[in-house]
Amino acid sequence: MNRSILTRDKSTEIVGLDGFTSLVLPPLRTPRRIILTHFPAVADGLSGEKSTLVLAGHSHGGQIRLPFIGPLYLPNGVGPYDHGLFKTKSGPLYVSAGLGTSTVHVRFNCRPEITVIEI
């Protein structure tokens, strides 16, 4: 949490962030940087160099999504990033709907997902 590691081949830096941290990212140490955070809105609080990819969850995709309306409820820390790929000032952000549920143990029009991303 709130630290980074390099892959064995030193081609990618992986940064794990805890909570709603606003953070100035240090200069890139590798050609790629991937940020892992639970809360999608963290992408708005990051400054410094852009990352290759920011990955988040927390929203569960909204769990209950109505056609033409979208999610009925989103928890704090999601911001406008409910599900899918977004452009942010920190770099591309992908928010996964994940597998589980949160407060209400139901999903409607929001399939669980395991995301595979190839970089």
Protein backbone atom coordinates (compact mmCIF):
# COMPACT_ATOMS: atom_id res chain seq x y z
CA MET A 1 0.00 0.00 0.00
CA ASN A 2 1.27 3.41 -1.05
CA ARG A 3 4.44 1.94 -2.47
CA SER A 4 5.75 0.55 -5.70
CA ILE A 5 7.71 -2.39 -7.03
CA LEU A 6 9.43 -3.12 -10.31
CA THR A 7 8.84 -6.24 -12.35
CA ARG A 8 11.79 -8.62 -12.59
CA ASP A 9 12.72 -7.38 -16.04
CA LYS A 10 12.42 -3.76 -14.80
CA SER A 11 10.08 -2.89 -17.66
CA THR A 12 7.08 -2.01 -15.48
CA GLU A 13 6.52 -0.24 -12.18
CA ILE A 14 3.44 -1.35 -10.24
CA VAL A 15 2.13 1.19 -7.71
CA GLY A 16 -0.40 0.23 -5.04
CA LEU A 17 -2.44 3.04 -3.50
CA ASP A 18 -4.42 2.95 -0.29
CA GLY A 19 -7.61 4.93 0.31
CA PHE A 20 -8.46 8.28 -1.25
CA THR A 21 -4.82 9.32 -1.49
CA SER A 22 -3.92 12.44 -3.43
CA LEU A 23 -0.42 11.88 -4.57
CA VAL A 24 2.25 13.47 -6.70
CA LEU A 25 3.70 10.58 -8.66
CA PRO A 26 7.48 10.49 -8.86
CA PRO A 27 9.18 10.48 -12.25
CA LEU A 28 8.83 7.25 -14.19
CA ARG A 29 11.50 4.67 -13.37
CA THR A 30 10.45 2.30 -16.16
CA PRO A 31 8.82 2.52 -19.60
CA ARG A 32 5.43 1.57 -18.04
CA ARG A 33 3.62 2.35 -14.79
CA ILE A 34 0.46 0.57 -13.64
CA ILE A 35 -1.44 1.96 -10.66
CA LEU A 36 -3.67 -0.31 -8.58
CA THR A 37 -6.27 1.37 -6.39
CA HIS A 38 -9.56 0.33 -4.89
CA PHE A 39 -11.26 3.68 -5.47
CA PRO A 40 -11.62 4.93 -9.08
CA ALA A 41 -11.86 8.61 -8.08
CA VAL A 42 -8.24 8.44 -6.90
CA ALA A 43 -7.29 8.93 -10.57
CA ASP A 44 -8.48 12.55 -10.26
CA GLY A 45 -6.18 13.22 -7.29
CA LEU A 46 -2.97 12.01 -8.90
CA SER A 47 -0.55 14.47 -10.39
CA GLY A 48 2.82 14.17 -12.03
CA GLU A 49 3.63 11.97 -14.97
CA LYS A 50 0.85 9.99 -16.63
CA SER A 51 0.65 6.28 -16.02
CA THR A 52 0.28 3.56 -18.62
CA LEU A 53 -2.83 2.28 -16.87
CA VAL A 54 -4.83 2.82 -13.67
CA LEU A 55 -6.88 -0.16 -12.44
CA ALA A 56 -9.71 0.15 -9.91
CA GLY A 57 -12.86 -1.53 -8.65
CA HIS A 58 -15.11 -0.57 -5.71
CA SER A 59 -18.17 0.32 -7.81
CA HIS A 60 -19.18 -3.28 -8.60
CA GLY A 61 -20.33 -1.71 -11.88
CA GLY A 62 -23.28 -0.20 -10.03
CA GLN A 63 -24.76 -3.70 -9.47
CA ILE A 64 -28.24 -2.59 -10.54
CA ARG A 65 -28.12 -0.82 -13.90
CA LEU A 66 -31.19 0.39 -15.74
CA PRO A 67 -31.11 0.77 -19.54
CA PHE A 68 -30.60 4.41 -20.64
CA ILE A 69 -30.15 5.45 -16.98
CA GLY A 70 -27.14 3.52 -15.72
CA PRO A 71 -26.40 2.57 -12.12
CA LEU A 72 -28.99 3.33 -9.45
CA TYR A 73 -26.39 3.70 -6.70
CA LEU A 74 -22.64 4.13 -6.51
CA PRO A 75 -20.59 4.24 -3.30
CA ASN A 76 -18.30 7.13 -2.33
CA GLY A 77 -14.95 7.12 -4.05
CA VAL A 78 -16.28 6.15 -7.48
CA GLY A 79 -16.88 9.61 -8.94
CA PRO A 80 -17.97 9.49 -12.59
CA TYR A 81 -16.11 6.21 -13.13
CA ASP A 82 -18.73 3.49 -12.64
CA HIS A 83 -17.56 0.77 -15.04
CA GLY A 84 -15.32 0.43 -18.07
CA LEU A 85 -12.50 2.40 -19.64
CA PHE A 86 -12.10 6.14 -19.05
CA LYS A 87 -9.60 8.83 -20.04
CA THR A 88 -8.25 10.68 -16.99
CA LYS A 89 -5.45 13.18 -16.46
CA SER A 90 -3.50 10.33 -14.78
CA GLY A 91 -3.81 8.07 -17.84
CA PRO A 92 -6.32 5.44 -18.94
CA LEU A 93 -8.48 4.13 -16.07
CA TYR A 94 -10.24 0.78 -16.18
CA VAL A 95 -12.91 0.11 -13.55
CA SER A 96 -13.94 -3.52 -13.23
CA ALA A 97 -17.40 -4.62 -12.14
CA GLY A 98 -15.70 -7.51 -10.36
CA LEU A 99 -17.42 -10.63 -9.12
CA GLY A 100 -19.11 -9.73 -5.86
CA THR A 101 -21.68 -7.38 -4.49
CA SER A 102 -21.70 -4.70 -1.83
CA THR A 103 -24.58 -3.41 0.30
CA VAL A 104 -27.32 -5.07 -1.75
CA HIS A 105 -26.54 -8.68 -2.64
CA VAL A 106 -28.11 -8.53 -6.10
CA ARG A 107 -27.00 -7.70 -9.64
CA PHE A 108 -29.26 -6.61 -12.46
CA ASN A 109 -28.02 -5.80 -15.96
CA CYS A 110 -24.47 -5.80 -14.58
CA ARG A 111 -22.70 -9.08 -15.26
CA PRO A 112 -19.84 -10.10 -12.97
CA GLU A 113 -16.50 -9.99 -14.75
CA ILE A 114 -12.93 -11.09 -14.57
CA THR A 115 -10.96 -8.72 -16.75
CA VAL A 116 -7.90 -9.78 -18.72
CA ILE A 117 -5.75 -6.90 -19.90
CA GLU A 118 -2.81 -7.37 -22.21
CA ILE A 119 -0.23 -4.63 -22.26
